[in-house]
């Protein structure tokens, strides 16, 4: 299916915030301090990411995940930084 997901969070506890960022680094690229862009294959994978993140959230914290299909991904607007990363059809191993 190849979905593009934007994951953003507002977490007050430093340790929890670091744990969330560390976990998300395994799924995508950090584009702002609390925003990651992730390419996932299925909605189930987004659900898995969410289930891994939820236990790290405290009272008053927030987590949002927005998904875009490939067609809508081309409509992403941005200023500064790099454009959204294109999904690779291969992985280069060194």
PDB file of N, CA and C in Angstrom:
ATOM      1  N   UNK A   1       0.830  -1.193   0.000  1.00  0.00           N
ATOM      2  CA  UNK A   1       0.000   0.000   0.000  1.00  0.00           C
ATOM      3  C   UNK A   1       0.874   1.256   0.000  1.00  0.00           C
ATOM      4  N   UNK A   2       1.993   1.251   0.671  1.00  0.00           N
ATOM      5  CA  UNK A   2       2.931   2.376   0.725  1.00  0.00           C
ATOM      6  C   UNK A   2       2.274   3.685   1.144  1.00  0.00           C
ATOM      7  N   UNK A   3       2.214   3.885   2.425  1.00  0.00           N
ATOM      8  CA  UNK A   3       1.647   5.096   2.998  1.00  0.00           C
ATOM      9  C   UNK A   3       2.758   5.983   3.527  1.00  0.00           C
ATOM     10  N   UNK A   4       2.495   7.241   3.548  1.00  0.00           N
ATOM     11  CA  UNK A   4       3.405   8.233   4.107  1.00  0.00           C
ATOM     12  C   UNK A   4       2.747   8.730   5.383  1.00  0.00           C
ATOM     13  N   UNK A   5       3.414   8.596   6.502  1.00  0.00           N
ATOM     14  CA  UNK A   5       2.835   8.999   7.784  1.00  0.00           C
ATOM     15  C   UNK A   5       3.669  10.102   8.406  1.00  0.00           C
ATOM     16  N   UNK A   6       2.988  11.109   8.910  1.00  0.00           N
ATOM     17  CA  UNK A   6       3.626  12.173   9.674  1.00  0.00           C
ATOM     18  C   UNK A   6       3.253  11.936  11.132  1.00  0.00           C
ATOM     19  N   UNK A   7       4.263  11.760  11.967  1.00  0.00           N
ATOM     20  CA  UNK A   7       4.049  11.511  13.391  1.00  0.00           C
ATOM     21  C   UNK A   7       4.572  12.715  14.151  1.00  0.00           C
ATOM     22  N   UNK A   8       3.717  13.313  14.971  1.00  0.00           N
ATOM     23  CA  UNK A   8       4.141  14.452  15.769  1.00  0.00           C
ATOM     24  C   UNK A   8       3.656  14.266  17.199  1.00  0.00           C
ATOM     25  N   UNK A   9       4.391  14.850  18.110  1.00  0.00           N
ATOM     26  CA  UNK A   9       4.087  14.648  19.522  1.00  0.00           C
ATOM     27  C   UNK A   9       4.455  15.870  20.338  1.00  0.00           C
ATOM     28  N   UNK A  10       3.816  15.966  21.500  1.00  0.00           N
ATOM     29  CA  UNK A  10       4.111  16.998  22.486  1.00  0.00           C
ATOM     30  C   UNK A  10       4.190  16.270  23.818  1.00  0.00           C
ATOM     31  N   UNK A  11       5.389  16.086  24.315  1.00  0.00           N
ATOM     32  CA  UNK A  11       5.622  15.288  25.517  1.00  0.00           C
ATOM     33  C   UNK A  11       6.441  16.112  26.494  1.00  0.00           C
ATOM     34  N   UNK A  12       5.948  16.217  27.722  1.00  0.00           N
ATOM     35  CA  UNK A  12       6.597  17.081  28.705  1.00  0.00           C
ATOM     36  C   UNK A  12       7.803  16.431  29.389  1.00  0.00           C
ATOM     37  N   UNK A  13       7.784  15.131  29.584  1.00  0.00           N
ATOM     38  CA  UNK A  13       8.863  14.446  30.293  1.00  0.00           C
ATOM     39  C   UNK A  13      10.048  14.184  29.356  1.00  0.00           C
ATOM     40  N   UNK A  14      11.236  14.645  29.746  1.00  0.00           N
ATOM     41  CA  UNK A  14      12.426  14.511  28.893  1.00  0.00           C
ATOM     42  C   UNK A  14      12.733  13.056  28.549  1.00  0.00           C
ATOM     43  N   UNK A  15      12.666  12.174  29.519  1.00  0.00           N
ATOM     44  CA  UNK A  15      13.002  10.762  29.293  1.00  0.00           C
ATOM     45  C   UNK A  15      12.009  10.122  28.317  1.00  0.00           C
ATOM     46  N   UNK A  16      10.716  10.394  28.503  1.00  0.00           N
ATOM     47  CA  UNK A  16       9.695   9.846  27.600  1.00  0.00           C
ATOM     48  C   UNK A  16       9.852  10.409  26.194  1.00  0.00           C
ATOM     49  N   UNK A  17      10.120  11.705  26.103  1.00  0.00           N
ATOM     50  CA  UNK A  17      10.293  12.351  24.796  1.00  0.00           C
ATOM     51  C   UNK A  17      11.476  11.749  24.051  1.00  0.00           C
ATOM     52  N   UNK A  18      12.564  11.495  24.761  1.00  0.00           N
ATOM     53  CA  UNK A  18      13.742  10.877  24.151  1.00  0.00           C
ATOM     54  C   UNK A  18      13.433   9.451  23.695  1.00  0.00           C
ATOM     55  N   UNK A  19      12.678   8.710  24.495  1.00  0.00           N
ATOM     56  CA  UNK A  19      12.314   7.333  24.130  1.00  0.00           C
ATOM     57  C   UNK A  19      11.434   7.317  22.876  1.00  0.00           C
ATOM     58  N   UNK A  20      10.502   8.244  22.781  1.00  0.00           N
ATOM     59  CA  UNK A  20       9.637   8.332  21.600  1.00  0.00           C
ATOM     60  C   UNK A  20      10.476   8.665  20.368  1.00  0.00           C
ATOM     61  N   UNK A  21      11.347   9.644  20.476  1.00  0.00           N
ATOM     62  CA  UNK A  21      12.197  10.022  19.343  1.00  0.00           C
ATOM     63  C   UNK A  21      13.083   8.856  18.921  1.00  0.00           C
ATOM     64  N   UNK A  22      13.658   8.158  19.872  1.00  0.00           N
ATOM     65  CA  UNK A  22      14.530   7.022  19.570  1.00  0.00           C
ATOM     66  C   UNK A  22      13.753   5.927  18.836  1.00  0.00           C
ATOM     67  N   UNK A  23      12.550   5.641  19.297  1.00  0.00           N
ATOM     68  CA  UNK A  23      11.732   4.621  18.647  1.00  0.00           C
ATOM     69  C   UNK A  23      11.388   5.037  17.212  1.00  0.00           C
ATOM     70  N   UNK A  24      11.004   6.295  17.030  1.00  0.00           N
ATOM     71  CA  UNK A  24      10.608   6.764  15.704  1.00  0.00           C
ATOM     72  C   UNK A  24      11.770   6.818  14.724  1.00  0.00           C
ATOM     73  N   UNK A  25      12.991   6.968  15.209  1.00  0.00           N
ATOM     74  CA  UNK A  25      14.154   6.976  14.318  1.00  0.00           C
ATOM     75  C   UNK A  25      14.285   5.650  13.582  1.00  0.00           C
ATOM     76  N   UNK A  26      13.704   4.597  14.130  1.00  0.00           N
ATOM     77  CA  UNK A  26      13.721   3.304  13.457  1.00  0.00           C
ATOM     78  C   UNK A  26      12.676   3.174  12.360  1.00  0.00           C
ATOM     79  N   UNK A  27      11.790   4.144  12.261  1.00  0.00           N
ATOM     80  CA  UNK A  27      10.708   4.081  11.285  1.00  0.00           C
ATOM     81  C   UNK A  27      10.741   5.197  10.245  1.00  0.00           C
ATOM     82  N   UNK A  28      11.468   6.266  10.509  1.00  0.00           N
ATOM     83  CA  UNK A  28      11.452   7.372   9.565  1.00  0.00           C
ATOM     84  C   UNK A  28      12.539   8.378   9.846  1.00  0.00           C
ATOM     85  N   UNK A  29      12.371   9.560   9.271  1.00  0.00           N
ATOM     86  CA  UNK A  29      13.366  10.609   9.453  1.00  0.00           C
ATOM     87  C   UNK A  29      12.762  11.755  10.253  1.00  0.00           C
ATOM     88  N   UNK A  30      13.588  12.352  11.079  1.00  0.00           N
ATOM     89  CA  UNK A  30      13.169  13.492  11.892  1.00  0.00           C
ATOM     90  C   UNK A  30      13.263  14.745  11.029  1.00  0.00           C
ATOM     91  N   UNK A  31      12.145  15.470  10.911  1.00  0.00           N
ATOM     92  CA  UNK A  31      12.139  16.687  10.102  1.00  0.00           C
ATOM     93  C   UNK A  31      12.041  17.934  10.969  1.00  0.00           C
ATOM     94  N   UNK A  32      11.600  17.777  12.201  1.00  0.00           N
ATOM     95  CA  UNK A  32      11.617  18.825  13.217  1.00  0.00           C
ATOM     96  C   UNK A  32      11.816  18.122  14.550  1.00  0.00           C
ATOM     97  N   UNK A  33      12.012  18.877  15.614  1.00  0.00           N
ATOM     98  CA  UNK A  33      12.313  18.258  16.904  1.00  0.00           C
ATOM     99  C   UNK A  33      11.283  17.226  17.327  1.00  0.00           C
ATOM    100  N   UNK A  34      10.018  17.462  17.070  1.00  0.00           N
ATOM    101  CA  UNK A  34       8.987  16.513  17.487  1.00  0.00           C
ATOM    102  C   UNK A  34       8.106  16.063  16.328  1.00  0.00           C
ATOM    103  N   UNK A  35       8.695  16.015  15.119  1.00  0.00           N
ATOM    104  CA  UNK A  35       7.951  15.591  13.929  1.00  0.00           C
ATOM    105  C   UNK A  35       8.815  14.633  13.116  1.00  0.00           C
ATOM    106  N   UNK A  36       8.231  13.483  12.785  1.00  0.00           N
ATOM    107  CA  UNK A  36       8.902  12.484  11.959  1.00  0.00           C
ATOM    108  C   UNK A  36       8.054  12.189  10.735  1.00  0.00           C
ATOM    109  N   UNK A  37       8.719  11.918   9.611  1.00  0.00           N
ATOM    110  CA  UNK A  37       8.056  11.452   8.401  1.00  0.00           C
ATOM    111  C   UNK A  37       8.461  10.001   8.197  1.00  0.00           C
ATOM    112  N   UNK A  38       7.458   9.135   8.058  1.00  0.00           N
ATOM    113  CA  UNK A  38       7.715   7.697   7.963  1.00  0.00           C
ATOM    114  C   UNK A  38       7.017   7.123   6.736  1.00  0.00           C
ATOM    115  N   UNK A  39       7.692   6.234   6.027  1.00  0.00           N
ATOM    116  CA  UNK A  39       7.076   5.473   4.942  1.00  0.00           C
ATOM    117  C   UNK A  39       6.758   4.094   5.497  1.00  0.00           C
ATOM    118  N   UNK A  40       5.504   3.705   5.412  1.00  0.00           N
ATOM    119  CA  UNK A  40       5.067   2.409   5.935  1.00  0.00           C
ATOM    120  C   UNK A  40       4.316   1.661   4.840  1.00  0.00           C
ATOM    121  N   UNK A  41       4.251   0.345   4.990  1.00  0.00           N
ATOM    122  CA  UNK A  41       3.605  -0.477   3.973  1.00  0.00           C
ATOM    123  C   UNK A  41       2.099  -0.612   4.169  1.00  0.00           C
ATOM    124  N   UNK A  42       1.650  -0.617   5.426  1.00  0.00           N
ATOM    125  CA  UNK A  42       0.238  -0.884   5.684  1.00  0.00           C
ATOM    126  C   UNK A  42      -0.272  -0.030   6.838  1.00  0.00           C
ATOM    127  N   UNK A  43      -1.575   0.061   6.943  1.00  0.00           N
ATOM    128  CA  UNK A  43      -2.185   0.717   8.098  1.00  0.00           C
ATOM    129  C   UNK A  43      -1.862  -0.062   9.366  1.00  0.00           C
ATOM    130  N   UNK A  44      -1.682  -1.378   9.238  1.00  0.00           N
ATOM    131  CA  UNK A  44      -1.315  -2.200  10.385  1.00  0.00           C
ATOM    132  C   UNK A  44       0.020  -1.780  10.982  1.00  0.00           C
ATOM    133  N   UNK A  45       0.946  -1.375  10.138  1.00  0.00           N
ATOM    134  CA  UNK A  45       2.247  -0.920  10.628  1.00  0.00           C
ATOM    135  C   UNK A  45       2.102   0.394  11.396  1.00  0.00           C
ATOM    136  N   UNK A  46       1.209   1.257  10.942  1.00  0.00           N
ATOM    137  CA  UNK A  46       0.939   2.491  11.675  1.00  0.00           C
ATOM    138  C   UNK A  46       0.340   2.155  13.043  1.00  0.00           C
ATOM    139  N   UNK A  47      -0.558   1.189  13.061  1.00  0.00           N
ATOM    140  CA  UNK A  47      -1.132   0.738  14.324  1.00  0.00           C
ATOM    141  C   UNK A  47      -0.076   0.185  15.264  1.00  0.00           C
ATOM    142  N   UNK A  48       0.888  -0.518  14.708  1.00  0.00           N
ATOM    143  CA  UNK A  48       1.980  -1.072  15.522  1.00  0.00           C
ATOM    144  C   UNK A  48       2.822   0.058  16.120  1.00  0.00           C
ATOM    145  N   UNK A  49       3.155   1.052  15.318  1.00  0.00           N
ATOM    146  CA  UNK A  49       3.917   2.200  15.808  1.00  0.00           C
ATOM    147  C   UNK A  49       3.152   2.879  16.935  1.00  0.00           C
ATOM    148  N   UNK A  50       1.875   3.079  16.717  1.00  0.00           N
ATOM    149  CA  UNK A  50       1.042   3.729  17.745  1.00  0.00           C
ATOM    150  C   UNK A  50       1.020   2.911  19.035  1.00  0.00           C
ATOM    151  N   UNK A  51       0.882   1.600  18.919  1.00  0.00           N
ATOM    152  CA  UNK A  51       0.829   0.765  20.123  1.00  0.00           C
ATOM    153  C   UNK A  51       2.167   0.766  20.867  1.00  0.00           C
ATOM    154  N   UNK A  52       3.264   0.947  20.156  1.00  0.00           N
ATOM    155  CA  UNK A  52       4.580   1.035  20.807  1.00  0.00           C
ATOM    156  C   UNK A  52       4.774   2.386  21.496  1.00  0.00           C
ATOM    157  N   UNK A  53       4.172   3.431  20.924  1.00  0.00           N
ATOM    158  CA  UNK A  53       4.339   4.775  21.477  1.00  0.00           C
ATOM    159  C   UNK A  53       3.411   5.065  22.656  1.00  0.00           C
ATOM    160  N   UNK A  54       2.197   4.546  22.618  1.00  0.00           N
ATOM    161  CA  UNK A  54       1.203   4.875  23.645  1.00  0.00           C
ATOM    162  C   UNK A  54       1.684   4.667  25.081  1.00  0.00           C
ATOM    163  N   UNK A  55       2.387   3.573  25.387  1.00  0.00           N
ATOM    164  CA  UNK A  55       2.842   3.390  26.777  1.00  0.00           C
ATOM    165  C   UNK A  55       3.867   4.437  27.236  1.00  0.00           C
ATOM    166  N   UNK A  56       4.473   5.144  26.295  1.00  0.00           N
ATOM    167  CA  UNK A  56       5.477   6.148  26.629  1.00  0.00           C
ATOM    168  C   UNK A  56       4.866   7.513  26.938  1.00  0.00           C
ATOM    169  N   UNK A  57       3.569   7.651  26.690  1.00  0.00           N
ATOM    170  CA  UNK A  57       2.889   8.928  26.888  1.00  0.00           C
ATOM    171  C   UNK A  57       2.380   9.057  28.314  1.00  0.00           C
ATOM    172  N   UNK A  58       2.505  10.249  28.852  1.00  0.00           N
ATOM    173  CA  UNK A  58       1.984  10.541  30.176  1.00  0.00           C
ATOM    174  C   UNK A  58       0.730  11.384  30.084  1.00  0.00           C
ATOM    175  N   UNK A  59       0.181  11.690  31.231  1.00  0.00           N
ATOM    176  CA  UNK A  59      -1.012  12.527  31.272  1.00  0.00           C
ATOM    177  C   UNK A  59      -0.676  13.913  30.715  1.00  0.00           C
ATOM    178  N   UNK A  60      -1.503  14.390  29.824  1.00  0.00           N
ATOM    179  CA  UNK A  60      -1.281  15.706  29.224  1.00  0.00           C
ATOM    180  C   UNK A  60      -0.426  15.675  27.966  1.00  0.00           C
ATOM    181  N   UNK A  61       0.220  14.537  27.674  1.00  0.00           N
ATOM    182  CA  UNK A  61       1.006  14.412  26.448  1.00  0.00           C
ATOM    183  C   UNK A  61       0.073  14.160  25.268  1.00  0.00           C
ATOM    184  N   UNK A  62       0.566  14.444  24.066  1.00  0.00           N
ATOM    185  CA  UNK A  62      -0.247  14.163  22.883  1.00  0.00           C
ATOM    186  C   UNK A  62       0.605  13.545  21.781  1.00  0.00           C
ATOM    187  N   UNK A  63      -0.056  12.733  20.986  1.00  0.00           N
ATOM    188  CA  UNK A  63       0.554  12.061  19.845  1.00  0.00           C
ATOM    189  C   UNK A  63      -0.438  12.151  18.701  1.00  0.00           C
ATOM    190  N   UNK A  64       0.038  12.527  17.520  1.00  0.00           N
ATOM    191  CA  UNK A  64      -0.813  12.576  16.331  1.00  0.00           C
ATOM    192  C   UNK A  64      -0.082  11.896  15.187  1.00  0.00           C
ATOM    193  N   UNK A  65      -0.845  11.112  14.436  1.00  0.00           N
ATOM    194  CA  UNK A  65      -0.300  10.435  13.263  1.00  0.00           C
ATOM    195  C   UNK A  65      -1.217  10.748  12.091  1.00  0.00           C
ATOM    196  N   UNK A  66      -0.656  11.375  11.067  1.00  0.00           N
ATOM    197  CA  UNK A  66      -1.404  11.714   9.854  1.00  0.00           C
ATOM    198  C   UNK A  66      -0.867  10.854   8.722  1.00  0.00           C
ATOM    199  N   UNK A  67      -1.747  10.256   7.943  1.00  0.00           N
ATOM    200  CA  UNK A  67      -1.310   9.435   6.820  1.00  0.00           C
ATOM    201  C   UNK A  67      -1.711  10.094   5.503  1.00  0.00           C
ATOM    202  N   UNK A  68      -0.852   9.902   4.515  1.00  0.00           N
ATOM    203  CA  UNK A  68      -1.105  10.410   3.168  1.00  0.00           C
ATOM    204  C   UNK A  68      -0.887   9.275   2.178  1.00  0.00           C
ATOM    205  N   UNK A  69      -1.794   9.129   1.240  1.00  0.00           N
ATOM    206  CA  UNK A  69      -1.590   8.149   0.179  1.00  0.00           C
ATOM    207  C   UNK A  69      -0.568   8.727  -0.809  1.00  0.00           C
ATOM    208  N   UNK A  70      -0.007   7.881  -1.671  1.00  0.00           N
ATOM    209  CA  UNK A  70       1.016   8.373  -2.610  1.00  0.00           C
ATOM    210  C   UNK A  70       0.543   9.561  -3.452  1.00  0.00           C
ATOM    211  N   UNK A  71      -0.720   9.578  -3.861  1.00  0.00           N
ATOM    212  CA  UNK A  71      -1.244  10.677  -4.673  1.00  0.00           C
ATOM    213  C   UNK A  71      -1.190  11.998  -3.909  1.00  0.00           C
ATOM    214  N   UNK A  72      -1.623  11.983  -2.657  1.00  0.00           N
ATOM    215  CA  UNK A  72      -1.645  13.207  -1.857  1.00  0.00           C
ATOM    216  C   UNK A  72      -0.260  13.617  -1.374  1.00  0.00           C
ATOM    217  N   UNK A  73       0.636  12.685  -1.305  1.00  0.00           N
ATOM    218  CA  UNK A  73       1.986  12.991  -0.840  1.00  0.00           C
ATOM    219  C   UNK A  73       2.666  14.019  -1.739  1.00  0.00           C
ATOM    220  N   UNK A  74       2.333  14.004  -3.012  1.00  0.00           N
ATOM    221  CA  UNK A  74       2.905  14.971  -3.951  1.00  0.00           C
ATOM    222  C   UNK A  74       2.432  16.395  -3.698  1.00  0.00           C
ATOM    223  N   UNK A  75       1.389  16.546  -2.898  1.00  0.00           N
ATOM    224  CA  UNK A  75       0.847  17.868  -2.604  1.00  0.00           C
ATOM    225  C   UNK A  75       1.401  18.476  -1.321  1.00  0.00           C
ATOM    226  N   UNK A  76       2.389  17.824  -0.701  1.00  0.00           N
ATOM    227  CA  UNK A  76       2.970  18.341   0.539  1.00  0.00           C
ATOM    228  C   UNK A  76       3.689  19.660   0.243  1.00  0.00           C
ATOM    229  N   UNK A  77       3.389  20.675   1.023  1.00  0.00           N
ATOM    230  CA  UNK A  77       4.045  21.978   0.882  1.00  0.00           C
ATOM    231  C   UNK A  77       5.083  22.119   1.987  1.00  0.00           C
ATOM    232  N   UNK A  78       6.214  22.694   1.669  1.00  0.00           N
ATOM    233  CA  UNK A  78       7.248  22.886   2.678  1.00  0.00           C
ATOM    234  C   UNK A  78       8.094  24.086   2.321  1.00  0.00           C
ATOM    235  N   UNK A  79       8.646  24.716   3.326  1.00  0.00           N
ATOM    236  CA  UNK A  79       9.601  25.812   3.163  1.00  0.00           C
ATOM    237  C   UNK A  79      10.775  25.513   4.066  1.00  0.00           C
ATOM    238  N   UNK A  80      11.969  25.601   3.558  1.00  0.00           N
ATOM    239  CA  UNK A  80      13.164  25.308   4.341  1.00  0.00           C
ATOM    240  C   UNK A  80      13.359  23.813   4.467  1.00  0.00           C
ATOM    241  N   UNK A  81      14.573  23.436   4.758  1.00  0.00           N
ATOM    242  CA  UNK A  81      14.877  22.016   4.908  1.00  0.00           C
ATOM    243  C   UNK A  81      14.778  21.283   3.587  1.00  0.00           C
ATOM    244  N   UNK A  82      14.767  19.979   3.676  1.00  0.00           N
ATOM    245  CA  UNK A  82      14.700  19.138   2.490  1.00  0.00           C
ATOM    246  C   UNK A  82      13.266  18.731   2.216  1.00  0.00           C
ATOM    247  N   UNK A  83      12.928  18.429   0.948  1.00  0.00           N
ATOM    248  CA  UNK A  83      11.579  17.948   0.641  1.00  0.00           C
ATOM    249  C   UNK A  83      11.357  16.583   1.285  1.00  0.00           C
ATOM    250  N   UNK A  84      10.103  16.141   1.406  1.00  0.00           N
ATOM    251  CA  UNK A  84       9.844  14.815   1.956  1.00  0.00           C
ATOM    252  C   UNK A  84      10.656  13.770   1.216  1.00  0.00           C
ATOM    253  N   UNK A  85      11.246  12.861   1.959  1.00  0.00           N
ATOM    254  CA  UNK A  85      12.126  11.853   1.378  1.00  0.00           C
ATOM    255  C   UNK A  85      11.334  10.896   0.508  1.00  0.00           C
ATOM    256  N   UNK A  86      11.888  10.618  -0.661  1.00  0.00           N
ATOM    257  CA  UNK A  86      11.256   9.659  -1.564  1.00  0.00           C
ATOM    258  C   UNK A  86      11.510   8.252  -1.051  1.00  0.00           C
ATOM    259  N   UNK A  87      10.532   7.419  -1.238  1.00  0.00           N
ATOM    260  CA  UNK A  87      10.623   6.025  -0.823  1.00  0.00           C
ATOM    261  C   UNK A  87      11.519   5.275  -1.801  1.00  0.00           C
ATOM    262  N   UNK A  88      12.451   4.510  -1.274  1.00  0.00           N
ATOM    263  CA  UNK A  88      13.355   3.735  -2.122  1.00  0.00           C
ATOM    264  C   UNK A  88      12.764   2.362  -2.397  1.00  0.00           C
ATOM    265  N   UNK A  89      12.990   1.850  -3.615  1.00  0.00           N
ATOM    266  CA  UNK A  89      12.539   0.521  -3.976  1.00  0.00           C
ATOM    267  C   UNK A  89      13.566  -0.538  -3.620  1.00  0.00           C
ATOM    268  N   UNK A  90      14.696  -0.112  -3.058  1.00  0.00           N
ATOM    269  CA  UNK A  90      15.756  -1.032  -2.706  1.00  0.00           C
ATOM    270  C   UNK A  90      16.480  -0.530  -1.469  1.00  0.00           C
ATOM    271  N   UNK A  91      17.282  -1.405  -0.884  1.00  0.00           N
ATOM    272  CA  UNK A  91      18.100  -1.047   0.262  1.00  0.00           C
ATOM    273  C   UNK A  91      19.537  -1.369  -0.084  1.00  0.00           C
ATOM    274  N   UNK A  92      20.436  -0.414   0.120  1.00  0.00           N
ATOM    275  CA  UNK A  92      21.846  -0.620  -0.166  1.00  0.00           C
ATOM    276  C   UNK A  92      22.552  -1.058   1.088  1.00  0.00           C
ATOM    277  N   UNK A  93      23.167  -2.235   1.062  1.00  0.00           N
ATOM    278  CA  UNK A  93      23.916  -2.752   2.203  1.00  0.00           C
ATOM    279  C   UNK A  93      25.391  -2.606   1.924  1.00  0.00           C
ATOM    280  N   UNK A  94      26.126  -2.124   2.913  1.00  0.00           N
ATOM    281  CA  UNK A  94      27.569  -1.962   2.731  1.00  0.00           C
ATOM    282  C   UNK A  94      28.308  -2.965   3.577  1.00  0.00           C
TER     283      UNK A  94
END
